[in-house]
């Protein structure tokens, strides 16, 4: 089973790397795009080492993170819209670079790079705290409510981390056009969260009480 997991992880890692490269460099019309290489390095290098850590210490969690088959109809629609959003964001960022439509200041690109790394670190911390973390919305056998660490601050710290991550991506790429597209991501995430909380409240004992204790979904004092 572990060998199959390793193969699956490697295939998806390489596929993701190649797809990201194609979505960026083809529209840009060149591979001499520093922002794209910076983004790829900031995302895929930590991802590689995180995968090794998960394989060694939490292979079950790694298997869950590689699982993408969603059963909830609402979630399927959100995932589909999100996929189109990311395609548009990457492609338009590449076109923006080719045509030089917008220019992101160097200081903002540097700040976005730092935020991207921090958000990925938060993402890794959430995975450490929650062994039930899956990419699909479901109530797993024996699952319990996690209410410590970041989960004691907001109910969806992983989603909060991904908002920082994905909003920083187009700025690292140097595209305000891409940033405008990615601004739709938090809206789609709000739809996903509301449906996810409905599923968890109905199927996970103690989740409704947890929602009463931890008021904020993603952003303290805001939402």
N, C-alpha and C. Protein backbone atom coordinates (compact mmCIF):
# COMPACT_ATOMS: atom_id res chain seq x y z
N UNK A 1 0.83 -1.21 0.00
CA UNK A 1 0.00 0.00 0.00
C UNK A 1 0.86 1.26 0.00
N UNK A 2 1.96 1.23 0.78
CA UNK A 2 2.82 2.41 0.86
C UNK A 2 3.49 2.68 -0.49
N UNK A 3 3.85 1.59 -1.20
CA UNK A 3 4.47 1.74 -2.51
C UNK A 3 3.49 2.41 -3.47
N UNK A 4 2.22 1.99 -3.41
CA UNK A 4 1.19 2.59 -4.26
C UNK A 4 1.00 4.06 -3.92
N UNK A 5 1.07 4.39 -2.64
CA UNK A 5 0.93 5.77 -2.19
C UNK A 5 2.08 6.62 -2.70
N UNK A 6 3.29 6.08 -2.65
CA UNK A 6 4.48 6.79 -3.14
C UNK A 6 4.34 7.10 -4.63
N UNK A 7 3.94 6.07 -5.39
CA UNK A 7 3.77 6.25 -6.84
C UNK A 7 2.70 7.30 -7.13
N UNK A 8 1.59 7.23 -6.41
CA UNK A 8 0.50 8.18 -6.60
C UNK A 8 0.95 9.60 -6.28
N UNK A 9 1.70 9.75 -5.19
CA UNK A 9 2.18 11.07 -4.78
C UNK A 9 3.15 11.64 -5.82
N UNK A 10 4.06 10.80 -6.31
CA UNK A 10 5.04 11.26 -7.29
C UNK A 10 4.37 11.68 -8.59
N UNK A 11 3.40 10.85 -9.04
CA UNK A 11 2.69 11.16 -10.28
C UNK A 11 1.95 12.49 -10.17
N UNK A 12 1.26 12.70 -9.05
CA UNK A 12 0.49 13.93 -8.89
C UNK A 12 1.40 15.14 -8.71
N UNK A 13 2.53 14.93 -8.06
CA UNK A 13 3.49 16.03 -7.88
C UNK A 13 4.05 16.47 -9.23
N UNK A 14 4.51 15.52 -10.01
CA UNK A 14 5.09 15.84 -11.32
C UNK A 14 4.03 16.41 -12.25
N UNK A 15 2.82 15.82 -12.21
CA UNK A 15 1.73 16.32 -13.06
C UNK A 15 1.38 17.76 -12.71
N UNK A 16 1.32 18.05 -11.41
CA UNK A 16 1.02 19.42 -10.98
C UNK A 16 2.10 20.40 -11.39
N UNK A 17 3.35 19.97 -11.30
CA UNK A 17 4.47 20.81 -11.68
C UNK A 17 4.44 21.12 -13.18
N UNK A 18 4.22 20.08 -13.98
CA UNK A 18 4.17 20.26 -15.43
C UNK A 18 2.98 21.11 -15.86
N UNK A 19 1.82 20.85 -15.26
CA UNK A 19 0.62 21.61 -15.62
C UNK A 19 0.79 23.08 -15.27
N UNK A 20 1.35 23.35 -14.09
CA UNK A 20 1.58 24.74 -13.69
C UNK A 20 2.53 25.44 -14.66
N UNK A 21 3.58 24.74 -15.05
CA UNK A 21 4.52 25.31 -16.01
C UNK A 21 3.87 25.63 -17.35
N UNK A 22 3.04 24.70 -17.82
CA UNK A 22 2.36 24.91 -19.11
C UNK A 22 1.39 26.08 -19.04
N UNK A 23 0.64 26.17 -17.93
CA UNK A 23 -0.36 27.23 -17.79
C UNK A 23 0.28 28.61 -17.67
N UNK A 24 1.52 28.65 -17.22
CA UNK A 24 2.20 29.93 -17.08
C UNK A 24 3.06 30.28 -18.29
N UNK A 25 3.92 29.36 -18.70
CA UNK A 25 4.90 29.68 -19.72
C UNK A 25 4.32 29.74 -21.13
N UNK A 26 3.32 28.92 -21.44
CA UNK A 26 2.73 28.97 -22.78
C UNK A 26 2.05 30.32 -23.04
N UNK A 27 1.18 30.80 -22.16
CA UNK A 27 0.60 32.13 -22.40
C UNK A 27 1.64 33.25 -22.40
N UNK A 28 2.69 33.08 -21.58
CA UNK A 28 3.74 34.11 -21.52
C UNK A 28 4.59 34.12 -22.78
N UNK A 29 4.62 32.98 -23.47
CA UNK A 29 5.40 32.89 -24.70
C UNK A 29 6.89 32.77 -24.48
N UNK A 30 7.29 32.47 -23.24
CA UNK A 30 8.71 32.34 -22.92
C UNK A 30 8.87 31.62 -21.58
N UNK A 31 10.02 30.99 -21.41
CA UNK A 31 10.34 30.41 -20.11
C UNK A 31 11.24 31.34 -19.30
N UNK A 32 11.57 32.48 -19.91
CA UNK A 32 12.43 33.46 -19.22
C UNK A 32 11.56 34.45 -18.45
N UNK A 33 10.85 33.90 -17.49
CA UNK A 33 9.93 34.69 -16.66
C UNK A 33 10.30 34.43 -15.21
N UNK A 34 11.02 35.38 -14.63
CA UNK A 34 11.54 35.22 -13.28
C UNK A 34 10.45 35.01 -12.24
N UNK A 35 9.35 35.74 -12.37
CA UNK A 35 8.26 35.61 -11.40
C UNK A 35 7.66 34.21 -11.39
N UNK A 36 7.53 33.62 -12.56
CA UNK A 36 6.97 32.26 -12.64
C UNK A 36 7.90 31.26 -11.98
N UNK A 37 9.19 31.37 -12.24
CA UNK A 37 10.15 30.46 -11.62
C UNK A 37 10.21 30.66 -10.11
N UNK A 38 10.09 31.90 -9.67
CA UNK A 38 10.07 32.18 -8.23
C UNK A 38 8.87 31.50 -7.59
N UNK A 39 7.69 31.66 -8.20
CA UNK A 39 6.49 31.04 -7.67
C UNK A 39 6.60 29.53 -7.63
N UNK A 40 7.07 28.93 -8.71
CA UNK A 40 7.21 27.47 -8.77
C UNK A 40 8.15 26.99 -7.67
N UNK A 41 9.24 27.70 -7.46
CA UNK A 41 10.17 27.31 -6.41
C UNK A 41 9.57 27.44 -5.02
N UNK A 42 8.88 28.56 -4.78
CA UNK A 42 8.28 28.79 -3.46
C UNK A 42 7.17 27.79 -3.14
N UNK A 43 6.49 27.30 -4.16
CA UNK A 43 5.38 26.37 -3.93
C UNK A 43 5.84 24.92 -3.92
N UNK A 44 6.58 24.52 -4.93
CA UNK A 44 6.86 23.09 -5.12
C UNK A 44 8.03 22.57 -4.30
N UNK A 45 8.97 23.41 -3.92
CA UNK A 45 10.06 22.93 -3.07
C UNK A 45 9.54 22.58 -1.67
N UNK A 46 8.79 23.49 -0.99
CA UNK A 46 8.21 23.10 0.30
C UNK A 46 7.24 21.93 0.18
N UNK A 47 6.49 21.89 -0.93
CA UNK A 47 5.54 20.80 -1.13
C UNK A 47 6.26 19.45 -1.18
N UNK A 48 7.43 19.42 -1.81
CA UNK A 48 8.22 18.18 -1.91
C UNK A 48 8.61 17.67 -0.52
N UNK A 49 9.14 18.58 0.29
CA UNK A 49 9.60 18.17 1.63
C UNK A 49 8.43 17.85 2.55
N UNK A 50 7.32 18.58 2.41
CA UNK A 50 6.14 18.27 3.20
C UNK A 50 5.61 16.89 2.85
N UNK A 51 5.65 16.54 1.58
CA UNK A 51 5.21 15.21 1.15
C UNK A 51 6.06 14.11 1.76
N UNK A 52 7.36 14.34 1.84
CA UNK A 52 8.27 13.35 2.44
C UNK A 52 7.95 13.18 3.92
N UNK A 53 7.72 14.29 4.62
CA UNK A 53 7.39 14.23 6.04
C UNK A 53 6.08 13.48 6.26
N UNK A 54 5.07 13.79 5.46
CA UNK A 54 3.78 13.12 5.60
C UNK A 54 3.91 11.62 5.29
N UNK A 55 4.68 11.29 4.30
CA UNK A 55 4.87 9.88 3.94
C UNK A 55 5.51 9.11 5.08
N UNK A 56 6.47 9.74 5.75
CA UNK A 56 7.18 9.08 6.84
C UNK A 56 6.38 9.02 8.13
N UNK A 57 5.65 10.12 8.45
CA UNK A 57 5.01 10.21 9.75
C UNK A 57 3.48 10.09 9.72
N UNK A 58 2.87 10.41 8.59
CA UNK A 58 1.40 10.37 8.53
C UNK A 58 0.94 9.96 7.14
N UNK A 59 1.25 8.72 6.72
CA UNK A 59 0.86 8.28 5.38
C UNK A 59 -0.65 8.29 5.15
N UNK A 60 -1.43 8.05 6.22
CA UNK A 60 -2.90 8.06 6.08
C UNK A 60 -3.38 9.46 5.70
N UNK A 61 -2.78 10.47 6.32
CA UNK A 61 -3.15 11.84 6.02
C UNK A 61 -2.75 12.21 4.60
N UNK A 62 -1.57 11.77 4.17
CA UNK A 62 -1.12 12.02 2.80
C UNK A 62 -2.10 11.40 1.80
N UNK A 63 -2.55 10.19 2.10
CA UNK A 63 -3.51 9.52 1.22
C UNK A 63 -4.81 10.32 1.12
N UNK A 64 -5.26 10.88 2.24
CA UNK A 64 -6.47 11.70 2.24
C UNK A 64 -6.28 12.96 1.42
N UNK A 65 -5.09 13.56 1.51
CA UNK A 65 -4.83 14.80 0.78
C UNK A 65 -4.75 14.56 -0.73
N UNK A 66 -4.42 13.33 -1.11
CA UNK A 66 -4.34 13.00 -2.53
C UNK A 66 -5.70 12.60 -3.10
N UNK A 67 -6.66 12.34 -2.20
CA UNK A 67 -7.99 11.94 -2.63
C UNK A 67 -8.76 13.18 -3.07
N UNK A 68 -9.26 13.16 -4.31
CA UNK A 68 -9.95 14.34 -4.84
C UNK A 68 -11.38 14.04 -5.27
N UNK A 69 -11.86 12.83 -5.08
CA UNK A 69 -13.20 12.47 -5.50
C UNK A 69 -14.21 12.98 -4.49
N UNK A 70 -14.96 13.99 -4.88
CA UNK A 70 -15.92 14.65 -4.00
C UNK A 70 -17.31 14.07 -4.20
N UNK A 71 -18.04 13.86 -3.09
CA UNK A 71 -19.37 13.29 -3.16
C UNK A 71 -20.48 14.31 -3.06
N UNK A 72 -20.23 15.43 -2.40
CA UNK A 72 -21.25 16.46 -2.22
C UNK A 72 -21.46 17.26 -3.51
N UNK A 73 -22.73 17.37 -3.94
CA UNK A 73 -23.02 18.08 -5.19
C UNK A 73 -22.60 19.54 -5.15
N UNK A 74 -22.90 20.21 -4.02
CA UNK A 74 -22.51 21.61 -3.89
C UNK A 74 -21.00 21.76 -3.99
N UNK A 75 -20.28 20.84 -3.35
CA UNK A 75 -18.82 20.90 -3.38
C UNK A 75 -18.28 20.65 -4.78
N UNK A 76 -18.93 19.76 -5.52
CA UNK A 76 -18.51 19.49 -6.90
C UNK A 76 -18.59 20.75 -7.75
N UNK A 77 -19.68 21.50 -7.56
CA UNK A 77 -19.85 22.73 -8.33
C UNK A 77 -18.79 23.76 -7.95
N UNK A 78 -18.53 23.88 -6.65
CA UNK A 78 -17.52 24.85 -6.20
C UNK A 78 -16.14 24.47 -6.71
N UNK A 79 -15.83 23.17 -6.65
CA UNK A 79 -14.52 22.71 -7.13
C UNK A 79 -14.37 22.98 -8.63
N UNK A 80 -15.45 22.75 -9.37
CA UNK A 80 -15.42 23.01 -10.81
C UNK A 80 -15.20 24.48 -11.12
N UNK A 81 -15.92 25.35 -10.41
CA UNK A 81 -15.75 26.79 -10.61
C UNK A 81 -14.35 27.24 -10.19
N UNK A 82 -13.84 26.65 -9.10
CA UNK A 82 -12.50 27.00 -8.64
C UNK A 82 -11.44 26.61 -9.65
N UNK A 83 -11.62 25.44 -10.28
CA UNK A 83 -10.68 25.00 -11.30
C UNK A 83 -10.64 25.97 -12.47
N UNK A 84 -11.81 26.44 -12.90
CA UNK A 84 -11.87 27.42 -13.98
C UNK A 84 -11.22 28.73 -13.56
N UNK A 85 -11.42 29.10 -12.29
CA UNK A 85 -10.83 30.32 -11.75
C UNK A 85 -9.31 30.26 -11.81
N UNK A 86 -8.74 29.13 -11.38
CA UNK A 86 -7.29 28.99 -11.37
C UNK A 86 -6.72 28.96 -12.78
N UNK A 87 -7.43 28.29 -13.68
CA UNK A 87 -6.99 28.28 -15.08
C UNK A 87 -6.93 29.71 -15.62
N UNK A 88 -8.01 30.46 -15.39
CA UNK A 88 -8.06 31.83 -15.88
C UNK A 88 -6.98 32.69 -15.22
N UNK A 89 -6.79 32.51 -13.91
CA UNK A 89 -5.80 33.32 -13.20
C UNK A 89 -4.39 33.09 -13.70
N UNK A 90 -4.02 31.83 -13.89
CA UNK A 90 -2.67 31.52 -14.37
C UNK A 90 -2.48 31.97 -15.82
N UNK A 91 -3.45 31.66 -16.67
CA UNK A 91 -3.33 32.00 -18.08
C UNK A 91 -3.27 33.51 -18.28
N UNK A 92 -4.15 34.24 -17.61
CA UNK A 92 -4.16 35.70 -17.76
C UNK A 92 -2.90 36.34 -17.17
N UNK A 93 -2.35 35.73 -16.13
CA UNK A 93 -1.08 36.24 -15.58
C UNK A 93 0.03 36.08 -16.62
N UNK A 94 0.01 34.94 -17.33
CA UNK A 94 0.99 34.72 -18.39
C UNK A 94 0.83 35.70 -19.53
N UNK A 95 -0.43 35.94 -19.93
CA UNK A 95 -0.69 36.92 -21.00
C UNK A 95 -0.28 38.31 -20.55
N UNK A 96 -0.54 38.61 -19.29
CA UNK A 96 -0.16 39.90 -18.73
C UNK A 96 1.35 40.10 -18.81
N UNK A 97 2.10 39.05 -18.51
CA UNK A 97 3.56 39.16 -18.59
C UNK A 97 4.01 39.37 -20.03
N UNK A 98 3.36 38.65 -20.95
CA UNK A 98 3.75 38.76 -22.36
C UNK A 98 3.49 40.18 -22.88
N UNK A 99 2.33 40.74 -22.55
CA UNK A 99 1.94 42.04 -23.07
C UNK A 99 2.39 43.20 -22.18
N UNK A 100 2.88 42.83 -20.96
CA UNK A 100 3.33 43.86 -20.01
C UNK A 100 2.21 44.87 -19.72
N UNK A 101 1.02 44.33 -19.41
CA UNK A 101 -0.14 45.19 -19.15
C UNK A 101 -0.05 45.86 -17.79
N UNK A 102 0.36 45.10 -16.77
CA UNK A 102 0.48 45.66 -15.42
C UNK A 102 1.86 45.38 -14.87
N UNK A 103 2.24 46.16 -13.88
CA UNK A 103 3.58 46.03 -13.29
C UNK A 103 3.46 46.07 -11.77
N UNK A 104 3.82 44.98 -11.11
CA UNK A 104 3.79 44.89 -9.66
C UNK A 104 5.15 45.35 -9.12
N UNK A 105 5.16 46.30 -8.19
CA UNK A 105 6.44 46.77 -7.64
C UNK A 105 7.25 45.62 -7.01
N UNK A 106 8.55 45.76 -7.05
CA UNK A 106 9.43 44.72 -6.51
C UNK A 106 9.16 44.48 -5.03
N UNK A 107 8.92 45.54 -4.28
CA UNK A 107 8.68 45.40 -2.84
C UNK A 107 7.42 44.59 -2.56
N UNK A 108 6.39 44.77 -3.43
CA UNK A 108 5.14 44.03 -3.25
C UNK A 108 5.32 42.56 -3.62
N UNK A 109 6.10 42.30 -4.65
CA UNK A 109 6.41 40.92 -5.02
C UNK A 109 7.17 40.22 -3.89
N UNK A 110 8.12 40.94 -3.28
CA UNK A 110 8.90 40.38 -2.17
C UNK A 110 7.99 40.10 -0.97
N UNK A 111 7.10 41.05 -0.66
CA UNK A 111 6.18 40.86 0.46
C UNK A 111 5.25 39.68 0.20
N UNK A 112 4.75 39.56 -1.04
CA UNK A 112 3.87 38.46 -1.40
C UNK A 112 4.60 37.12 -1.30
N UNK A 113 5.88 37.11 -1.63
CA UNK A 113 6.67 35.88 -1.53
C UNK A 113 6.77 35.42 -0.08
N UNK A 114 6.98 36.39 0.82
CA UNK A 114 7.05 36.07 2.25
C UNK A 114 5.70 35.54 2.74
N UNK A 115 4.62 36.19 2.31
CA UNK A 115 3.28 35.76 2.71
C UNK A 115 2.99 34.36 2.19
N UNK A 116 3.42 34.06 0.97
CA UNK A 116 3.20 32.74 0.40
C UNK A 116 3.88 31.67 1.25
N UNK A 117 5.12 31.91 1.64
CA UNK A 117 5.86 30.95 2.45
C UNK A 117 5.21 30.79 3.83
N UNK A 118 4.81 31.91 4.44
CA UNK A 118 4.15 31.86 5.75
C UNK A 118 2.84 31.09 5.66
N UNK A 119 2.05 31.36 4.62
CA UNK A 119 0.77 30.69 4.48
C UNK A 119 0.94 29.19 4.27
N UNK A 120 2.00 28.81 3.57
CA UNK A 120 2.26 27.37 3.39
C UNK A 120 2.68 26.74 4.71
N UNK A 121 3.40 27.50 5.52
CA UNK A 121 3.76 27.02 6.85
C UNK A 121 2.53 26.83 7.72
N UNK A 122 1.58 27.77 7.64
CA UNK A 122 0.32 27.63 8.38
C UNK A 122 -0.46 26.42 7.89
N UNK A 123 -0.43 26.21 6.60
CA UNK A 123 -1.10 25.05 5.99
C UNK A 123 -0.52 23.75 6.55
N UNK A 124 0.80 23.69 6.65
CA UNK A 124 1.45 22.51 7.21
C UNK A 124 1.11 22.32 8.68
N UNK A 125 1.02 23.42 9.42
CA UNK A 125 0.67 23.34 10.84
C UNK A 125 -0.75 22.81 11.03
N UNK A 126 -1.66 23.23 10.17
CA UNK A 126 -3.04 22.74 10.24
C UNK A 126 -3.07 21.23 10.01
N UNK A 127 -2.28 20.76 9.07
CA UNK A 127 -2.24 19.32 8.81
C UNK A 127 -1.65 18.57 10.00
N UNK A 128 -0.72 19.19 10.70
CA UNK A 128 -0.16 18.56 11.89
C UNK A 128 -1.21 18.46 12.99
N UNK A 129 -2.04 19.49 13.10
CA UNK A 129 -3.04 19.53 14.17
C UNK A 129 -4.24 18.63 13.91
N UNK A 130 -4.59 18.45 12.64
CA UNK A 130 -5.83 17.75 12.30
C UNK A 130 -5.55 16.54 11.43
N UNK A 131 -5.59 15.37 12.04
CA UNK A 131 -5.32 14.12 11.31
C UNK A 131 -6.48 13.71 10.41
N UNK A 132 -7.64 14.39 10.57
CA UNK A 132 -8.82 14.05 9.77
C UNK A 132 -8.94 14.93 8.53
N UNK A 133 -7.93 15.75 8.28
CA UNK A 133 -8.01 16.73 7.21
C UNK A 133 -8.03 16.04 5.85
N UNK A 134 -9.14 16.21 5.14
CA UNK A 134 -9.31 15.61 3.84
C UNK A 134 -9.61 16.69 2.82
N UNK A 135 -9.35 16.41 1.55
CA UNK A 135 -9.65 17.38 0.51
C UNK A 135 -11.12 17.32 0.11
N UNK A 136 -11.82 16.28 0.57
CA UNK A 136 -13.25 16.15 0.29
C UNK A 136 -14.03 16.40 1.56
N UNK A 137 -15.27 16.86 1.41
CA UNK A 137 -16.12 17.13 2.56
C UNK A 137 -16.81 15.84 2.97
N UNK A 138 -16.46 15.34 4.16
CA UNK A 138 -17.00 14.08 4.63
C UNK A 138 -16.79 13.98 6.13
N UNK A 139 -17.60 13.11 6.77
CA UNK A 139 -17.40 12.78 8.17
C UNK A 139 -16.80 11.38 8.20
N UNK A 140 -15.58 11.28 8.71
CA UNK A 140 -14.85 10.01 8.68
C UNK A 140 -15.17 9.17 9.91
N UNK A 141 -14.96 7.89 9.78
CA UNK A 141 -15.21 6.97 10.89
C UNK A 141 -14.29 7.31 12.06
N UNK A 142 -14.88 7.48 13.26
CA UNK A 142 -14.11 7.79 14.44
C UNK A 142 -13.65 9.23 14.53
N UNK A 143 -14.11 10.08 13.61
CA UNK A 143 -13.66 11.47 13.61
C UNK A 143 -14.15 12.22 14.83
N UNK A 144 -13.28 13.07 15.36
CA UNK A 144 -13.61 13.90 16.50
C UNK A 144 -13.37 15.37 16.15
N UNK A 145 -14.03 16.25 16.86
CA UNK A 145 -13.85 17.68 16.65
C UNK A 145 -12.48 18.10 17.15
N UNK A 146 -11.72 18.79 16.31
CA UNK A 146 -10.43 19.36 16.71
C UNK A 146 -10.67 20.82 17.08
N UNK A 147 -10.36 21.18 18.33
CA UNK A 147 -10.64 22.54 18.78
C UNK A 147 -9.44 23.20 19.47
N UNK A 148 -8.26 22.67 19.23
CA UNK A 148 -7.05 23.23 19.84
C UNK A 148 -6.18 23.90 18.77
N UNK A 149 -5.16 24.62 19.22
CA UNK A 149 -4.25 25.27 18.29
C UNK A 149 -4.97 26.30 17.45
N UNK A 150 -4.71 26.29 16.16
CA UNK A 150 -5.34 27.24 15.24
C UNK A 150 -6.85 27.05 15.19
N UNK A 151 -7.30 25.81 15.46
CA UNK A 151 -8.74 25.54 15.44
C UNK A 151 -9.45 26.17 16.64
N UNK A 152 -8.70 26.63 17.62
CA UNK A 152 -9.28 27.36 18.73
C UNK A 152 -9.43 28.84 18.43
N UNK A 153 -8.88 29.27 17.30
CA UNK A 153 -8.95 30.68 16.90
C UNK A 153 -10.03 30.87 15.83
N UNK A 154 -9.97 30.04 14.78
CA UNK A 154 -10.98 30.06 13.72
C UNK A 154 -11.37 28.62 13.40
N UNK A 155 -12.55 28.44 12.83
CA UNK A 155 -13.04 27.09 12.56
C UNK A 155 -12.41 26.47 11.31
N UNK A 156 -11.90 27.31 10.42
CA UNK A 156 -11.33 26.79 9.17
C UNK A 156 -9.96 27.41 8.90
N UNK A 157 -8.97 27.09 9.73
CA UNK A 157 -7.64 27.68 9.54
C UNK A 157 -6.98 27.27 8.23
N UNK A 158 -7.30 26.06 7.73
CA UNK A 158 -6.71 25.66 6.46
C UNK A 158 -7.18 26.56 5.33
N UNK A 159 -8.48 26.86 5.31
CA UNK A 159 -9.00 27.74 4.27
C UNK A 159 -8.44 29.15 4.42
N UNK A 160 -8.27 29.61 5.65
CA UNK A 160 -7.67 30.92 5.87
C UNK A 160 -6.26 30.97 5.29
N UNK A 161 -5.51 29.88 5.49
CA UNK A 161 -4.15 29.81 4.94
C UNK A 161 -4.16 29.80 3.42
N UNK A 162 -5.15 29.11 2.82
CA UNK A 162 -5.19 29.05 1.35
C UNK A 162 -5.57 30.40 0.75
N UNK A 163 -6.38 31.19 1.46
CA UNK A 163 -6.70 32.53 0.96
C UNK A 163 -5.43 33.37 0.85
N UNK A 164 -4.61 33.35 1.91
CA UNK A 164 -3.34 34.07 1.86
C UNK A 164 -2.45 33.53 0.76
N UNK A 165 -2.43 32.21 0.64
CA UNK A 165 -1.58 31.55 -0.35
C UNK A 165 -1.97 31.96 -1.77
N UNK A 166 -3.26 31.82 -2.08
CA UNK A 166 -3.69 32.04 -3.46
C UNK A 166 -3.73 33.52 -3.84
N UNK A 167 -3.99 34.40 -2.88
CA UNK A 167 -3.97 35.82 -3.20
C UNK A 167 -2.55 36.35 -3.37
N UNK A 168 -1.59 35.65 -2.77
CA UNK A 168 -0.19 36.07 -2.93
C UNK A 168 0.40 35.59 -4.26
N UNK A 169 -0.16 34.52 -4.83
CA UNK A 169 0.41 33.93 -6.06
C UNK A 169 0.50 34.93 -7.21
N UNK A 170 -0.59 35.61 -7.60
CA UNK A 170 -0.46 36.51 -8.75
C UNK A 170 0.47 37.69 -8.50
N UNK A 171 0.63 38.08 -7.24
CA UNK A 171 1.56 39.17 -6.94
C UNK A 171 3.00 38.70 -7.06
N UNK A 172 3.24 37.43 -6.69
CA UNK A 172 4.57 36.86 -6.91
C UNK A 172 4.84 36.77 -8.42
N UNK A 173 3.81 36.44 -9.18
CA UNK A 173 3.94 36.36 -10.64
C UNK A 173 4.07 37.74 -11.27
N UNK A 174 3.70 38.79 -10.52
CA UNK A 174 3.82 40.15 -11.04
C UNK A 174 2.63 40.61 -11.86
N UNK A 175 1.42 40.10 -11.53
CA UNK A 175 0.26 40.42 -12.35
C UNK A 175 -0.91 40.91 -11.50
N UNK A 176 -1.30 42.17 -11.69
CA UNK A 176 -2.50 42.67 -11.04
C UNK A 176 -3.77 42.11 -11.70
N UNK A 177 -3.67 41.76 -12.98
CA UNK A 177 -4.81 41.14 -13.66
C UNK A 177 -5.10 39.78 -13.03
N UNK A 178 -4.07 38.99 -12.81
CA UNK A 178 -4.24 37.70 -12.15
C UNK A 178 -4.78 37.87 -10.74
N UNK A 179 -4.33 38.91 -10.04
CA UNK A 179 -4.81 39.18 -8.69
C UNK A 179 -6.31 39.47 -8.70
N UNK A 180 -6.77 40.24 -9.67
CA UNK A 180 -8.20 40.55 -9.78
C UNK A 180 -9.02 39.28 -9.98
N UNK A 181 -8.49 38.34 -10.76
CA UNK A 181 -9.19 37.07 -10.98
C UNK A 181 -9.24 36.26 -9.68
N UNK A 182 -8.12 36.19 -8.98
CA UNK A 182 -8.03 35.37 -7.77
C UNK A 182 -8.84 35.95 -6.61
N UNK A 183 -9.28 37.20 -6.73
CA UNK A 183 -10.13 37.78 -5.68
C UNK A 183 -11.47 37.05 -5.58
N UNK A 184 -11.83 36.30 -6.61
CA UNK A 184 -13.07 35.53 -6.57
C UNK A 184 -12.94 34.28 -5.70
N UNK A 185 -11.71 33.89 -5.39
CA UNK A 185 -11.50 32.66 -4.62
C UNK A 185 -12.15 32.71 -3.23
N UNK A 186 -11.98 33.80 -2.44
CA UNK A 186 -12.64 33.82 -1.13
C UNK A 186 -14.15 33.70 -1.22
N UNK A 187 -14.75 34.23 -2.30
CA UNK A 187 -16.20 34.13 -2.48
C UNK A 187 -16.61 32.67 -2.66
N UNK A 188 -15.90 31.96 -3.52
CA UNK A 188 -16.19 30.53 -3.73
C UNK A 188 -15.94 29.73 -2.47
N UNK A 189 -14.92 30.13 -1.73
CA UNK A 189 -14.59 29.44 -0.49
C UNK A 189 -15.71 29.60 0.53
N UNK A 190 -16.35 30.78 0.54
CA UNK A 190 -17.46 31.00 1.44
C UNK A 190 -18.60 30.03 1.18
N UNK A 191 -18.87 29.75 -0.10
CA UNK A 191 -19.91 28.78 -0.46
C UNK A 191 -19.53 27.39 0.03
N UNK A 192 -18.27 27.03 -0.16
CA UNK A 192 -17.79 25.71 0.26
C UNK A 192 -17.89 25.56 1.78
N UNK A 193 -17.51 26.59 2.51
CA UNK A 193 -17.51 26.52 3.97
C UNK A 193 -18.93 26.35 4.51
N UNK A 194 -19.88 27.10 3.99
CA UNK A 194 -21.25 27.00 4.48
C UNK A 194 -21.80 25.59 4.26
N UNK A 195 -21.53 25.01 3.11
CA UNK A 195 -21.99 23.65 2.85
C UNK A 195 -21.26 22.65 3.73
N UNK A 196 -19.96 22.84 3.92
CA UNK A 196 -19.17 21.93 4.75
C UNK A 196 -19.66 21.95 6.19
N UNK A 197 -19.95 23.13 6.71
CA UNK A 197 -20.42 23.22 8.09
C UNK A 197 -21.78 22.56 8.26
N UNK A 198 -22.62 22.62 7.23
CA UNK A 198 -23.92 21.95 7.27
C UNK A 198 -23.71 20.43 7.38
N UNK A 199 -22.80 19.90 6.56
CA UNK A 199 -22.51 18.46 6.58
C UNK A 199 -21.94 18.04 7.92
N UNK A 200 -20.99 18.81 8.45
CA UNK A 200 -20.36 18.46 9.72
C UNK A 200 -21.32 18.60 10.90
N UNK A 201 -22.18 19.61 10.87
CA UNK A 201 -23.15 19.80 11.95
C UNK A 201 -24.13 18.64 12.01
N UNK A 202 -24.46 18.09 10.85
CA UNK A 202 -25.42 16.99 10.79
C UNK A 202 -24.79 15.64 11.12
N UNK A 203 -23.49 15.48 10.85
CA UNK A 203 -22.89 14.17 10.99
C UNK A 203 -21.78 14.01 12.01
N UNK A 204 -21.24 15.12 12.52
CA UNK A 204 -20.11 15.03 13.44
C UNK A 204 -20.54 15.48 14.84
N UNK A 205 -20.60 14.55 15.79
CA UNK A 205 -21.01 14.90 17.16
C UNK A 205 -20.12 15.99 17.77
N UNK A 206 -20.74 17.00 18.34
CA UNK A 206 -20.00 18.06 19.01
C UNK A 206 -19.64 19.23 18.12
N UNK A 207 -19.89 19.12 16.81
CA UNK A 207 -19.47 20.21 15.92
C UNK A 207 -20.32 21.46 16.10
N UNK A 208 -21.62 21.29 16.34
CA UNK A 208 -22.49 22.45 16.55
C UNK A 208 -22.05 23.23 17.78
N UNK A 209 -21.70 22.51 18.86
CA UNK A 209 -21.22 23.17 20.08
C UNK A 209 -19.88 23.87 19.82
N UNK A 210 -19.04 23.23 19.02
CA UNK A 210 -17.76 23.83 18.66
C UNK A 210 -17.97 25.16 17.93
N UNK A 211 -18.95 25.21 17.03
CA UNK A 211 -19.25 26.44 16.28
C UNK A 211 -19.70 27.55 17.23
N UNK A 212 -20.37 27.17 18.30
CA UNK A 212 -20.80 28.19 19.27
C UNK A 212 -19.60 28.71 20.06
N UNK A 213 -18.64 27.83 20.36
CA UNK A 213 -17.46 28.24 21.13
C UNK A 213 -16.51 29.08 20.30
N UNK A 214 -16.26 28.64 19.07
CA UNK A 214 -15.35 29.34 18.17
C UNK A 214 -16.21 30.06 17.13
N UNK A 215 -16.38 31.34 17.33
CA UNK A 215 -17.34 32.11 16.55
C UNK A 215 -16.92 32.34 15.11
N UNK A 216 -15.62 32.59 14.90
CA UNK A 216 -15.15 33.05 13.59
C UNK A 216 -14.80 31.88 12.68
N UNK A 217 -15.18 31.99 11.42
CA UNK A 217 -14.90 30.93 10.46
C UNK A 217 -13.46 30.97 9.95
N UNK A 218 -13.04 32.13 9.41
CA UNK A 218 -11.70 32.24 8.85
C UNK A 218 -10.91 33.43 9.35
N UNK A 219 -11.60 34.56 9.57
CA UNK A 219 -10.91 35.80 9.94
C UNK A 219 -11.45 36.29 11.28
N UNK A 220 -10.62 36.29 12.33
CA UNK A 220 -11.10 36.74 13.65
C UNK A 220 -11.68 38.14 13.58
N UNK A 221 -12.83 38.30 14.28
CA UNK A 221 -13.53 39.58 14.40
C UNK A 221 -14.15 40.07 13.09
N UNK A 222 -14.09 39.27 12.05
CA UNK A 222 -14.67 39.68 10.76
C UNK A 222 -15.66 38.67 10.22
N UNK A 223 -15.19 37.39 10.06
CA UNK A 223 -16.10 36.36 9.51
C UNK A 223 -15.63 34.96 9.91
